[in-house]
Amino acid sequence: MGTDGPVEDLVGIHVTDETLYARYREGMLPILKRMGGYFRYDAQIQSELKSPVKHSINRLFIIGFPDQATRDEFFSDTEYLAVRKEFFESSVDSVCRLARYHVNSDAPGL
């Protein structure tokens, strides 16, 4: 693991199939936890008031990792990529990373 400290991504997505998306989450969560990752917040969005992009979002979450190297390792992990291909790609039609930042390890929820 790297030494740059915890890193989080704030992500907005548009889920089109809640059942398949739930299966994606079930499949990826053990991999995420094994690597020390977590979800800090996870919310369904009823409506958007403003967006700089044309696609809408209906889910907003913060996903975090112990450091940038672990984040990169997670998203390139072959087991994760298989789960993503099987469930995520058919259940989500758009993804927008709204922010990436390093967090203080004393932040609430860590």
PDB file of N, CA and C in Angstrom:
ATOM      1  N   MET A   1       0.832  -1.180   0.000  1.00  0.00           N
ATOM      2  CA  MET A   1       0.000   0.000   0.000  1.00  0.00           C
ATOM      3  C   MET A   1       0.877   1.244   0.000  1.00  0.00           C
ATOM      4  N   GLY A   2       0.341   2.314  -0.627  1.00  0.00           N
ATOM      5  CA  GLY A   2       1.072   3.572  -0.707  1.00  0.00           C
ATOM      6  C   GLY A   2       1.064   4.299   0.627  1.00  0.00           C
ATOM      7  N   THR A   3       1.720   5.436   0.659  1.00  0.00           N
ATOM      8  CA  THR A   3       1.836   6.202   1.895  1.00  0.00           C
ATOM      9  C   THR A   3       1.072   7.516   1.831  1.00  0.00           C
ATOM     10  N   ASP A   4       0.246   7.704   0.817  1.00  0.00           N
ATOM     11  CA  ASP A   4      -0.424   8.981   0.645  1.00  0.00           C
ATOM     12  C   ASP A   4      -1.696   9.132   1.482  1.00  0.00           C
ATOM     13  N   GLY A   5      -2.066   8.159   2.253  1.00  0.00           N
ATOM     14  CA  GLY A   5      -3.238   8.255   3.120  1.00  0.00           C
ATOM     15  C   GLY A   5      -4.537   7.985   2.394  1.00  0.00           C
ATOM     16  N   PRO A   6      -5.626   7.954   3.167  1.00  0.00           N
ATOM     17  CA  PRO A   6      -6.937   7.611   2.604  1.00  0.00           C
ATOM     18  C   PRO A   6      -7.345   8.550   1.468  1.00  0.00           C
ATOM     19  N   VAL A   7      -7.966   7.959   0.459  1.00  0.00           N
ATOM     20  CA  VAL A   7      -8.463   8.718  -0.686  1.00  0.00           C
ATOM     21  C   VAL A   7      -9.914   8.306  -0.930  1.00  0.00           C
ATOM     22  N   GLU A   8     -10.752   9.286  -1.267  1.00  0.00           N
ATOM     23  CA  GLU A   8     -12.160   9.021  -1.536  1.00  0.00           C
ATOM     24  C   GLU A   8     -12.558   9.626  -2.865  1.00  0.00           C
ATOM     25  N   ASP A   9     -13.543   8.979  -3.510  1.00  0.00           N
ATOM     26  CA  ASP A   9     -14.165   9.496  -4.725  1.00  0.00           C
ATOM     27  C   ASP A   9     -15.637   9.757  -4.423  1.00  0.00           C
ATOM     28  N   LEU A  10     -16.115  10.921  -4.813  1.00  0.00           N
ATOM     29  CA  LEU A  10     -17.540  11.237  -4.782  1.00  0.00           C
ATOM     30  C   LEU A  10     -18.050  10.969  -6.189  1.00  0.00           C
ATOM     31  N   VAL A  11     -19.014  10.049  -6.313  1.00  0.00           N
ATOM     32  CA  VAL A  11     -19.435   9.556  -7.620  1.00  0.00           C
ATOM     33  C   VAL A  11     -20.948   9.662  -7.764  1.00  0.00           C
ATOM     34  N   GLY A  12     -21.385  10.106  -8.934  1.00  0.00           N
ATOM     35  CA  GLY A  12     -22.794  10.097  -9.296  1.00  0.00           C
ATOM     36  C   GLY A  12     -22.988   9.136 -10.450  1.00  0.00           C
ATOM     37  N   ILE A  13     -24.006   8.297 -10.363  1.00  0.00           N
ATOM     38  CA  ILE A  13     -24.298   7.347 -11.440  1.00  0.00           C
ATOM     39  C   ILE A  13     -25.789   7.370 -11.758  1.00  0.00           C
ATOM     40  N   HIS A  14     -26.131   6.838 -12.919  1.00  0.00           N
ATOM     41  CA  HIS A  14     -27.534   6.660 -13.279  1.00  0.00           C
ATOM     42  C   HIS A  14     -27.807   5.169 -13.399  1.00  0.00           C
ATOM     43  N   VAL A  15     -28.482   4.630 -12.395  1.00  0.00           N
ATOM     44  CA  VAL A  15     -28.825   3.206 -12.359  1.00  0.00           C
ATOM     45  C   VAL A  15     -30.099   3.001 -13.160  1.00  0.00           C
ATOM     46  N   THR A  16     -30.072   2.047 -14.100  1.00  0.00           N
ATOM     47  CA  THR A  16     -31.249   1.749 -14.919  1.00  0.00           C
ATOM     48  C   THR A  16     -31.903   0.423 -14.528  1.00  0.00           C
ATOM     49  N   ASP A  17     -31.186  -0.424 -13.783  1.00  0.00           N
ATOM     50  CA  ASP A  17     -31.724  -1.710 -13.346  1.00  0.00           C
ATOM     51  C   ASP A  17     -31.275  -1.949 -11.908  1.00  0.00           C
ATOM     52  N   GLU A  18     -32.160  -1.659 -10.963  1.00  0.00           N
ATOM     53  CA  GLU A  18     -31.829  -1.759  -9.539  1.00  0.00           C
ATOM     54  C   GLU A  18     -31.485  -3.193  -9.117  1.00  0.00           C
ATOM     55  N   THR A  19     -32.140  -4.186  -9.711  1.00  0.00           N
ATOM     56  CA  THR A  19     -31.874  -5.577  -9.358  1.00  0.00           C
ATOM     57  C   THR A  19     -30.461  -5.982  -9.751  1.00  0.00           C
ATOM     58  N   LEU A  20     -30.065  -5.685 -10.974  1.00  0.00           N
ATOM     59  CA  LEU A  20     -28.704  -6.014 -11.421  1.00  0.00           C
ATOM     60  C   LEU A  20     -27.668  -5.195 -10.650  1.00  0.00           C
ATOM     61  N   TYR A  21     -27.991  -3.943 -10.362  1.00  0.00           N
ATOM     62  CA  TYR A  21     -27.053  -3.111  -9.619  1.00  0.00           C
ATOM     63  C   TYR A  21     -26.844  -3.662  -8.209  1.00  0.00           C
ATOM     64  N   ALA A  22     -27.916  -4.155  -7.589  1.00  0.00           N
ATOM     65  CA  ALA A  22     -27.791  -4.775  -6.264  1.00  0.00           C
ATOM     66  C   ALA A  22     -26.887  -6.009  -6.347  1.00  0.00           C
ATOM     67  N   ARG A  23     -26.974  -6.769  -7.412  1.00  0.00           N
ATOM     68  CA  ARG A  23     -26.103  -7.940  -7.590  1.00  0.00           C
ATOM     69  C   ARG A  23     -24.654  -7.504  -7.783  1.00  0.00           C
ATOM     70  N   TYR A  24     -24.446  -6.398  -8.484  1.00  0.00           N
ATOM     71  CA  TYR A  24     -23.100  -5.847  -8.629  1.00  0.00           C
ATOM     72  C   TYR A  24     -22.535  -5.501  -7.257  1.00  0.00           C
ATOM     73  N   ARG A  25     -23.304  -4.795  -6.460  1.00  0.00           N
ATOM     74  CA  ARG A  25     -22.836  -4.405  -5.134  1.00  0.00           C
ATOM     75  C   ARG A  25     -22.528  -5.643  -4.276  1.00  0.00           C
ATOM     76  N   GLU A  26     -23.384  -6.651  -4.337  1.00  0.00           N
ATOM     77  CA  GLU A  26     -23.144  -7.889  -3.582  1.00  0.00           C
ATOM     78  C   GLU A  26     -21.840  -8.548  -4.010  1.00  0.00           C
ATOM     79  N   GLY A  27     -21.549  -8.506  -5.301  1.00  0.00           N
ATOM     80  CA  GLY A  27     -20.342  -9.150  -5.813  1.00  0.00           C
ATOM     81  C   GLY A  27     -19.068  -8.364  -5.563  1.00  0.00           C
ATOM     82  N   MET A  28     -19.169  -7.041  -5.580  1.00  0.00           N
ATOM     83  CA  MET A  28     -17.959  -6.238  -5.435  1.00  0.00           C
ATOM     84  C   MET A  28     -17.620  -5.909  -3.994  1.00  0.00           C
ATOM     85  N   LEU A  29     -18.604  -5.931  -3.113  1.00  0.00           N
ATOM     86  CA  LEU A  29     -18.368  -5.530  -1.724  1.00  0.00           C
ATOM     87  C   LEU A  29     -17.314  -6.381  -1.009  1.00  0.00           C
ATOM     88  N   PRO A  30     -17.314  -7.710  -1.149  1.00  0.00           N
ATOM     89  CA  PRO A  30     -16.256  -8.493  -0.500  1.00  0.00           C
ATOM     90  C   PRO A  30     -14.853  -8.139  -1.020  1.00  0.00           C
ATOM     91  N   ILE A  31     -14.745  -7.825  -2.300  1.00  0.00           N
ATOM     92  CA  ILE A  31     -13.457  -7.442  -2.876  1.00  0.00           C
ATOM     93  C   ILE A  31     -13.033  -6.093  -2.300  1.00  0.00           C
ATOM     94  N   LEU A  32     -13.970  -5.163  -2.247  1.00  0.00           N
ATOM     95  CA  LEU A  32     -13.700  -3.836  -1.695  1.00  0.00           C
ATOM     96  C   LEU A  32     -13.240  -3.936  -0.244  1.00  0.00           C
ATOM     97  N   LYS A  33     -13.955  -4.706   0.550  1.00  0.00           N
ATOM     98  CA  LYS A  33     -13.605  -4.854   1.973  1.00  0.00           C
ATOM     99  C   LYS A  33     -12.251  -5.531   2.151  1.00  0.00           C
ATOM    100  N   ARG A  34     -11.979  -6.537   1.324  1.00  0.00           N
ATOM    101  CA  ARG A  34     -10.701  -7.248   1.405  1.00  0.00           C
ATOM    102  C   ARG A  34      -9.529  -6.292   1.183  1.00  0.00           C
ATOM    103  N   MET A  35      -9.746  -5.282   0.373  1.00  0.00           N
ATOM    104  CA  MET A  35      -8.687  -4.315   0.076  1.00  0.00           C
ATOM    105  C   MET A  35      -8.707  -3.113   1.024  1.00  0.00           C
ATOM    106  N   GLY A  36      -9.570  -3.166   2.024  1.00  0.00           N
ATOM    107  CA  GLY A  36      -9.627  -2.065   2.980  1.00  0.00           C
ATOM    108  C   GLY A  36     -10.485  -0.905   2.527  1.00  0.00           C
ATOM    109  N   GLY A  37     -11.260  -1.100   1.463  1.00  0.00           N
ATOM    110  CA  GLY A  37     -12.135  -0.050   0.951  1.00  0.00           C
ATOM    111  C   GLY A  37     -13.459  -0.010   1.682  1.00  0.00           C
ATOM    112  N   TYR A  38     -14.230   1.032   1.421  1.00  0.00           N
ATOM    113  CA  TYR A  38     -15.491   1.238   2.127  1.00  0.00           C
ATOM    114  C   TYR A  38     -16.381   2.206   1.351  1.00  0.00           C
ATOM    115  N   PHE A  39     -17.659   2.199   1.698  1.00  0.00           N
ATOM    116  CA  PHE A  39     -18.589   3.240   1.281  1.00  0.00           C
ATOM    117  C   PHE A  39     -18.874   4.080   2.511  1.00  0.00           C
ATOM    118  N   ARG A  40     -18.657   5.382   2.401  1.00  0.00           N
ATOM    119  CA  ARG A  40     -18.961   6.268   3.522  1.00  0.00           C
ATOM    120  C   ARG A  40     -20.424   6.696   3.452  1.00  0.00           C
ATOM    121  N   TYR A  41     -20.880   7.128   2.287  1.00  0.00           N
ATOM    122  CA  TYR A  41     -22.264   7.521   2.055  1.00  0.00           C
ATOM    123  C   TYR A  41     -22.754   6.818   0.806  1.00  0.00           C
ATOM    124  N   ASP A  42     -24.058   6.581   0.764  1.00  0.00           N
ATOM    125  CA  ASP A  42     -24.689   5.989  -0.411  1.00  0.00           C
ATOM    126  C   ASP A  42     -26.131   6.475  -0.404  1.00  0.00           C
ATOM    127  N   ALA A  43     -26.544   7.193  -1.448  1.00  0.00           N
ATOM    128  CA  ALA A  43     -27.889   7.773  -1.460  1.00  0.00           C
ATOM    129  C   ALA A  43     -28.525   7.636  -2.836  1.00  0.00           C
ATOM    130  N   GLN A  44     -29.836   7.424  -2.828  1.00  0.00           N
ATOM    131  CA  GLN A  44     -30.601   7.493  -4.060  1.00  0.00           C
ATOM    132  C   GLN A  44     -31.107   8.932  -4.181  1.00  0.00           C
ATOM    133  N   ILE A  45     -31.017   9.485  -5.385  1.00  0.00           N
ATOM    134  CA  ILE A  45     -31.376  10.870  -5.645  1.00  0.00           C
ATOM    135  C   ILE A  45     -32.724  10.908  -6.359  1.00  0.00           C
ATOM    136  N   GLN A  46     -33.647  11.698  -5.841  1.00  0.00           N
ATOM    137  CA  GLN A  46     -34.961  11.795  -6.472  1.00  0.00           C
ATOM    138  C   GLN A  46     -34.974  12.747  -7.657  1.00  0.00           C
ATOM    139  N   SER A  47     -34.248  13.854  -7.550  1.00  0.00           N
ATOM    140  CA  SER A  47     -34.209  14.794  -8.668  1.00  0.00           C
ATOM    141  C   SER A  47     -32.930  15.624  -8.609  1.00  0.00           C
ATOM    142  N   GLU A  48     -32.495  16.026  -9.768  1.00  0.00           N
ATOM    143  CA  GLU A  48     -31.329  16.899  -9.880  1.00  0.00           C
ATOM    144  C   GLU A  48     -31.826  18.318 -10.101  1.00  0.00           C
ATOM    145  N   LEU A  49     -31.176  19.264  -9.468  1.00  0.00           N
ATOM    146  CA  LEU A  49     -31.533  20.653  -9.676  1.00  0.00           C
ATOM    147  C   LEU A  49     -30.585  21.339 -10.653  1.00  0.00           C
ATOM    148  N   LYS A  50     -29.350  20.867 -10.704  1.00  0.00           N
ATOM    149  CA  LYS A  50     -28.362  21.446 -11.605  1.00  0.00           C
ATOM    150  C   LYS A  50     -27.304  20.401 -11.910  1.00  0.00           C
ATOM    151  N   SER A  51     -26.844  20.376 -13.146  1.00  0.00           N
ATOM    152  CA  SER A  51     -25.798  19.450 -13.543  1.00  0.00           C
ATOM    153  C   SER A  51     -25.051  20.020 -14.740  1.00  0.00           C
ATOM    154  N   PRO A  52     -23.724  19.893 -14.764  1.00  0.00           N
ATOM    155  CA  PRO A  52     -22.967  20.380 -15.908  1.00  0.00           C
ATOM    156  C   PRO A  52     -22.928  19.387 -17.072  1.00  0.00           C
ATOM    157  N   VAL A  53     -23.517  18.213 -16.899  1.00  0.00           N
ATOM    158  CA  VAL A  53     -23.505  17.192 -17.952  1.00  0.00           C
ATOM    159  C   VAL A  53     -24.924  16.865 -18.386  1.00  0.00           C
ATOM    160  N   LYS A  54     -25.064  16.246 -19.554  1.00  0.00           N
ATOM    161  CA  LYS A  54     -26.393  15.959 -20.109  1.00  0.00           C
ATOM    162  C   LYS A  54     -27.076  14.768 -19.447  1.00  0.00           C
ATOM    163  N   HIS A  55     -26.293  13.778 -18.999  1.00  0.00           N
ATOM    164  CA  HIS A  55     -26.911  12.603 -18.387  1.00  0.00           C
ATOM    165  C   HIS A  55     -27.272  12.901 -16.932  1.00  0.00           C
ATOM    166  N   SER A  56     -28.326  12.268 -16.463  1.00  0.00           N
ATOM    167  CA  SER A  56     -28.763  12.499 -15.088  1.00  0.00           C
ATOM    168  C   SER A  56     -28.123  11.465 -14.156  1.00  0.00           C
ATOM    169  N   ILE A  57     -28.197  11.742 -12.874  1.00  0.00           N
ATOM    170  CA  ILE A  57     -27.759  10.779 -11.863  1.00  0.00           C
ATOM    171  C   ILE A  57     -28.920  10.507 -10.928  1.00  0.00           C
ATOM    172  N   ASN A  58     -28.986   9.275 -10.432  1.00  0.00           N
ATOM    173  CA  ASN A  58     -30.006   8.922  -9.454  1.00  0.00           C
ATOM    174  C   ASN A  58     -29.401   8.192  -8.256  1.00  0.00           C
ATOM    175  N   ARG A  59     -28.091   8.141  -8.222  1.00  0.00           N
ATOM    176  CA  ARG A  59     -27.369   7.528  -7.103  1.00  0.00           C
ATOM    177  C   ARG A  59     -26.115   8.352  -6.868  1.00  0.00           C
ATOM    178  N   LEU A  60     -25.813   8.601  -5.615  1.00  0.00           N
ATOM    179  CA  LEU A  60     -24.647   9.376  -5.229  1.00  0.00           C
ATOM    180  C   LEU A  60     -23.978   8.646  -4.082  1.00  0.00           C
ATOM    181  N   PHE A  61     -22.645   8.445  -4.168  1.00  0.00           N
ATOM    182  CA  PHE A  61     -21.960   7.745  -3.091  1.00  0.00           C
ATOM    183  C   PHE A  61     -20.525   8.207  -2.972  1.00  0.00           C
ATOM    184  N   ILE A  62     -19.957   7.953  -1.805  1.00  0.00           N
ATOM    185  CA  ILE A  62     -18.537   8.162  -1.573  1.00  0.00           C
ATOM    186  C   ILE A  62     -17.922   6.799  -1.340  1.00  0.00           C
ATOM    187  N   ILE A  63     -16.942   6.461  -2.171  1.00  0.00           N
ATOM    188  CA  ILE A  63     -16.201   5.218  -2.039  1.00  0.00           C
ATOM    189  C   ILE A  63     -14.772   5.583  -1.654  1.00  0.00           C
ATOM    190  N   GLY A  64     -14.236   4.890  -0.657  1.00  0.00           N
ATOM    191  CA  GLY A  64     -12.914   5.239  -0.162  1.00  0.00           C
ATOM    192  C   GLY A  64     -11.978   4.051  -0.082  1.00  0.00           C
ATOM    193  N   PHE A  65     -10.689   4.391  -0.044  1.00  0.00           N
ATOM    194  CA  PHE A  65      -9.618   3.396  -0.002  1.00  0.00           C
ATOM    195  C   PHE A  65      -8.518   3.874   0.932  1.00  0.00           C
ATOM    196  N   PRO A  66      -7.709   2.955   1.453  1.00  0.00           N
ATOM    197  CA  PRO A  66      -6.615   3.343   2.357  1.00  0.00           C
ATOM    198  C   PRO A  66      -5.618   4.308   1.713  1.00  0.00           C
ATOM    199  N   ASP A  67      -5.461   4.216   0.364  1.00  0.00           N
ATOM    200  CA  ASP A  67      -4.524   5.081  -0.353  1.00  0.00           C
ATOM    201  C   ASP A  67      -4.789   4.951  -1.853  1.00  0.00           C
ATOM    202  N   GLN A  68      -4.135   5.808  -2.635  1.00  0.00           N
ATOM    203  CA  GLN A  68      -4.335   5.830  -4.085  1.00  0.00           C
ATOM    204  C   GLN A  68      -3.907   4.511  -4.743  1.00  0.00           C
ATOM    205  N   ALA A  69      -2.833   3.920  -4.273  1.00  0.00           N
ATOM    206  CA  ALA A  69      -2.356   2.661  -4.869  1.00  0.00           C
ATOM    207  C   ALA A  69      -3.394   1.554  -4.703  1.00  0.00           C
ATOM    208  N   THR A  70      -4.032   1.491  -3.545  1.00  0.00           N
ATOM    209  CA  THR A  70      -5.067   0.473  -3.313  1.00  0.00           C
ATOM    210  C   THR A  70      -6.280   0.743  -4.183  1.00  0.00           C
ATOM    211  N   ARG A  71      -6.642   2.021  -4.346  1.00  0.00           N
ATOM    212  CA  ARG A  71      -7.761   2.381  -5.224  1.00  0.00           C
ATOM    213  C   ARG A  71      -7.477   1.880  -6.638  1.00  0.00           C
ATOM    214  N   ASP A  72      -6.293   2.163  -7.137  1.00  0.00           N
ATOM    215  CA  ASP A  72      -5.925   1.741  -8.486  1.00  0.00           C
ATOM    216  C   ASP A  72      -5.917   0.217  -8.611  1.00  0.00           C
ATOM    217  N   GLU A  73      -5.421  -0.452  -7.580  1.00  0.00           N
ATOM    218  CA  GLU A  73      -5.385  -1.923  -7.574  1.00  0.00           C
ATOM    219  C   GLU A  73      -6.796  -2.496  -7.610  1.00  0.00           C
ATOM    220  N   PHE A  74      -7.715  -1.911  -6.838  1.00  0.00           N
ATOM    221  CA  PHE A  74      -9.099  -2.386  -6.803  1.00  0.00           C
ATOM    222  C   PHE A  74      -9.731  -2.310  -8.187  1.00  0.00           C
ATOM    223  N   PHE A  75      -9.634  -1.145  -8.823  1.00  0.00           N
ATOM    224  CA  PHE A  75     -10.306  -0.954 -10.105  1.00  0.00           C
ATOM    225  C   PHE A  75      -9.652  -1.711 -11.258  1.00  0.00           C
ATOM    226  N   SER A  76      -8.479  -2.298 -11.044  1.00  0.00           N
ATOM    227  CA  SER A  76      -7.855  -3.129 -12.070  1.00  0.00           C
ATOM    228  C   SER A  76      -7.842  -4.610 -11.697  1.00  0.00           C
ATOM    229  N   ASP A  77      -8.407  -4.952 -10.538  1.00  0.00           N
ATOM    230  CA  ASP A  77      -8.454  -6.332 -10.061  1.00  0.00           C
ATOM    231  C   ASP A  77      -9.310  -7.188 -11.002  1.00  0.00           C
ATOM    232  N   THR A  78      -8.806  -8.339 -11.411  1.00  0.00           N
ATOM    233  CA  THR A  78      -9.531  -9.178 -12.376  1.00  0.00           C
ATOM    234  C   THR A  78     -10.863  -9.686 -11.824  1.00  0.00           C
ATOM    235  N   GLU A  79     -10.918 -10.008 -10.545  1.00  0.00           N
ATOM    236  CA  GLU A  79     -12.176 -10.462  -9.945  1.00  0.00           C
ATOM    237  C   GLU A  79     -13.204  -9.324  -9.961  1.00  0.00           C
ATOM    238  N   TYR A  80     -12.767  -8.113  -9.602  1.00  0.00           N
ATOM    239  CA  TYR A  80     -13.666  -6.958  -9.646  1.00  0.00           C
ATOM    240  C   TYR A  80     -14.140  -6.699 -11.082  1.00  0.00           C
ATOM    241  N   LEU A  81     -13.215  -6.734 -12.034  1.00  0.00           N
ATOM    242  CA  LEU A  81     -13.578  -6.455 -13.421  1.00  0.00           C
ATOM    243  C   LEU A  81     -14.604  -7.450 -13.955  1.00  0.00           C
ATOM    244  N   ALA A  82     -14.534  -8.696 -13.513  1.00  0.00           N
ATOM    245  CA  ALA A  82     -15.517  -9.701 -13.930  1.00  0.00           C
ATOM    246  C   ALA A  82     -16.900  -9.373 -13.373  1.00  0.00           C
ATOM    247  N   VAL A  83     -16.956  -8.983 -12.109  1.00  0.00           N
ATOM    248  CA  VAL A  83     -18.242  -8.602 -11.488  1.00  0.00           C
ATOM    249  C   VAL A  83     -18.792  -7.362 -12.191  1.00  0.00           C
ATOM    250  N   ARG A  84     -17.920  -6.399 -12.443  1.00  0.00           N
ATOM    251  CA  ARG A  84     -18.343  -5.167 -13.121  1.00  0.00           C
ATOM    252  C   ARG A  84     -18.934  -5.480 -14.497  1.00  0.00           C
ATOM    253  N   LYS A  85     -18.244  -6.322 -15.257  1.00  0.00           N
ATOM    254  CA  LYS A  85     -18.711  -6.657 -16.605  1.00  0.00           C
ATOM    255  C   LYS A  85     -20.064  -7.367 -16.562  1.00  0.00           C
ATOM    256  N   GLU A  86     -20.219  -8.285 -15.611  1.00  0.00           N
ATOM    257  CA  GLU A  86     -21.454  -9.079 -15.549  1.00  0.00           C
ATOM    258  C   GLU A  86     -22.657  -8.263 -15.090  1.00  0.00           C
ATOM    259  N   PHE A  87     -22.486  -7.370 -14.124  1.00  0.00           N
ATOM    260  CA  PHE A  87     -23.638  -6.700 -13.521  1.00  0.00           C
ATOM    261  C   PHE A  87     -23.668  -5.179 -13.716  1.00  0.00           C
ATOM    262  N   PHE A  88     -22.548  -4.515 -13.536  1.00  0.00           N
ATOM    263  CA  PHE A  88     -22.528  -3.056 -13.573  1.00  0.00           C
ATOM    264  C   PHE A  88     -22.829  -2.512 -14.964  1.00  0.00           C
ATOM    265  N   GLU A  89     -22.162  -3.055 -15.964  1.00  0.00           N
ATOM    266  CA  GLU A  89     -22.284  -2.517 -17.322  1.00  0.00           C
ATOM    267  C   GLU A  89     -23.702  -2.606 -17.866  1.00  0.00           C
ATOM    268  N   SER A  90     -24.500  -3.560 -17.380  1.00  0.00           N
ATOM    269  CA  SER A  90     -25.887  -3.705 -17.832  1.00  0.00           C
ATOM    270  C   SER A  90     -26.884  -2.952 -16.947  1.00  0.00           C
ATOM    271  N   SER A  91     -26.417  -2.433 -15.823  1.00  0.00           N
ATOM    272  CA  SER A  91     -27.343  -1.798 -14.883  1.00  0.00           C
ATOM    273  C   SER A  91     -27.130  -0.301 -14.711  1.00  0.00           C
ATOM    274  N   VAL A  92     -26.039   0.219 -15.250  1.00  0.00           N
ATOM    275  CA  VAL A  92     -25.712   1.637 -15.096  1.00  0.00           C
ATOM    276  C   VAL A  92     -25.403   2.209 -16.478  1.00  0.00           C
ATOM    277  N   ASP A  93     -26.063   3.338 -16.816  1.00  0.00           N
ATOM    278  CA  ASP A  93     -25.792   3.893 -18.145  1.00  0.00           C
ATOM    279  C   ASP A  93     -24.887   5.119 -18.136  1.00  0.00           C
ATOM    280  N   SER A  94     -24.574   5.662 -16.952  1.00  0.00           N
ATOM    281  CA  SER A  94     -23.616   6.763 -16.917  1.00  0.00           C
ATOM    282  C   SER A  94     -22.971   6.865 -15.545  1.00  0.00           C
ATOM    283  N   VAL A  95     -21.721   7.308 -15.557  1.00  0.00           N
ATOM    284  CA  VAL A  95     -20.930   7.477 -14.332  1.00  0.00           C
ATOM    285  C   VAL A  95     -20.247   8.833 -14.409  1.00  0.00           C
ATOM    286  N   CYS A  96     -20.282   9.561 -13.317  1.00  0.00           N
ATOM    287  CA  CYS A  96     -19.621  10.851 -13.260  1.00  0.00           C
ATOM    288  C   CYS A  96     -18.876  10.963 -11.927  1.00  0.00           C
ATOM    289  N   ARG A  97     -17.525  10.970 -11.997  1.00  0.00           N
ATOM    290  CA  ARG A  97     -16.762  11.187 -10.769  1.00  0.00           C
ATOM    291  C   ARG A  97     -16.788  12.686 -10.508  1.00  0.00           C
ATOM    292  N   LEU A  98     -17.406  13.077  -9.412  1.00  0.00           N
ATOM    293  CA  LEU A  98     -17.580  14.480  -9.087  1.00  0.00           C
ATOM    294  C   LEU A  98     -16.369  15.047  -8.366  1.00  0.00           C
ATOM    295  N   ALA A  99     -15.665  14.204  -7.605  1.00  0.00           N
ATOM    296  CA  ALA A  99     -14.484  14.675  -6.875  1.00  0.00           C
ATOM    297  C   ALA A  99     -13.654  13.491  -6.424  1.00  0.00           C
ATOM    298  N   ARG A 100     -12.346  13.740  -6.287  1.00  0.00           N
ATOM    299  CA  ARG A 100     -11.427  12.797  -5.647  1.00  0.00           C
ATOM    300  C   ARG A 100     -10.575  13.631  -4.705  1.00  0.00           C
ATOM    301  N   TYR A 101     -10.401  13.128  -3.492  1.00  0.00           N
ATOM    302  CA  TYR A 101      -9.662  13.906  -2.503  1.00  0.00           C
ATOM    303  C   TYR A 101      -9.043  12.982  -1.470  1.00  0.00           C
ATOM    304  N   HIS A 102      -8.031  13.466  -0.801  1.00  0.00           N
ATOM    305  CA  HIS A 102      -7.418  12.765   0.321  1.00  0.00           C
ATOM    306  C   HIS A 102      -8.115  13.240   1.586  1.00  0.00           C
ATOM    307  N   VAL A 103      -8.346  12.315   2.507  1.00  0.00           N
ATOM    308  CA  VAL A 103      -9.094  12.659   3.717  1.00  0.00           C
ATOM    309  C   VAL A 103      -8.211  12.520   4.948  1.00  0.00           C
ATOM    310  N   ASN A 104      -8.561  13.269   5.947  1.00  0.00           N
ATOM    311  CA  ASN A 104      -7.940  13.154   7.258  1.00  0.00           C
ATOM    312  C   ASN A 104      -8.417  11.848   7.860  1.00  0.00           C
ATOM    313  N   SER A 105      -7.517  11.022   8.356  1.00  0.00           N
ATOM    314  CA  SER A 105      -7.917   9.716   8.905  1.00  0.00           C
ATOM    315  C   SER A 105      -8.780   9.848  10.150  1.00  0.00           C
ATOM    316  N   ASP A 106      -8.912  11.057  10.698  1.00  0.00           N
ATOM    317  CA  ASP A 106      -9.794  11.296  11.840  1.00  0.00           C
ATOM    318  C   ASP A 106     -11.193  11.701  11.409  1.00  0.00           C
ATOM    319  N   ALA A 107     -11.466  11.740  10.093  1.00  0.00           N
ATOM    320  CA  ALA A 107     -12.760  12.162   9.605  1.00  0.00           C
ATOM    321  C   ALA A 107     -13.850  11.197  10.076  1.00  0.00           C
ATOM    322  N   PRO A 108     -15.080  11.704  10.321  1.00  0.00           N
ATOM    323  CA  PRO A 108     -16.181  10.838  10.761  1.00  0.00           C
ATOM    324  C   PRO A 108     -16.411   9.682   9.794  1.00  0.00           C
ATOM    325  N   GLY A 109     -16.620   8.510  10.312  1.00  0.00           N
ATOM    326  CA  GLY A 109     -16.916   7.347   9.499  1.00  0.00           C
ATOM    327  C   GLY A 109     -15.714   6.538   9.077  1.00  0.00           C
ATOM    328  N   LEU A 110     -14.526   7.001   9.385  1.00  0.00           N
ATOM    329  CA  LEU A 110     -13.336   6.233   9.016  1.00  0.00           C
ATOM    330  C   LEU A 110     -12.884   5.362  10.160  1.00  0.00           C
TER     331      LEU A 110
END
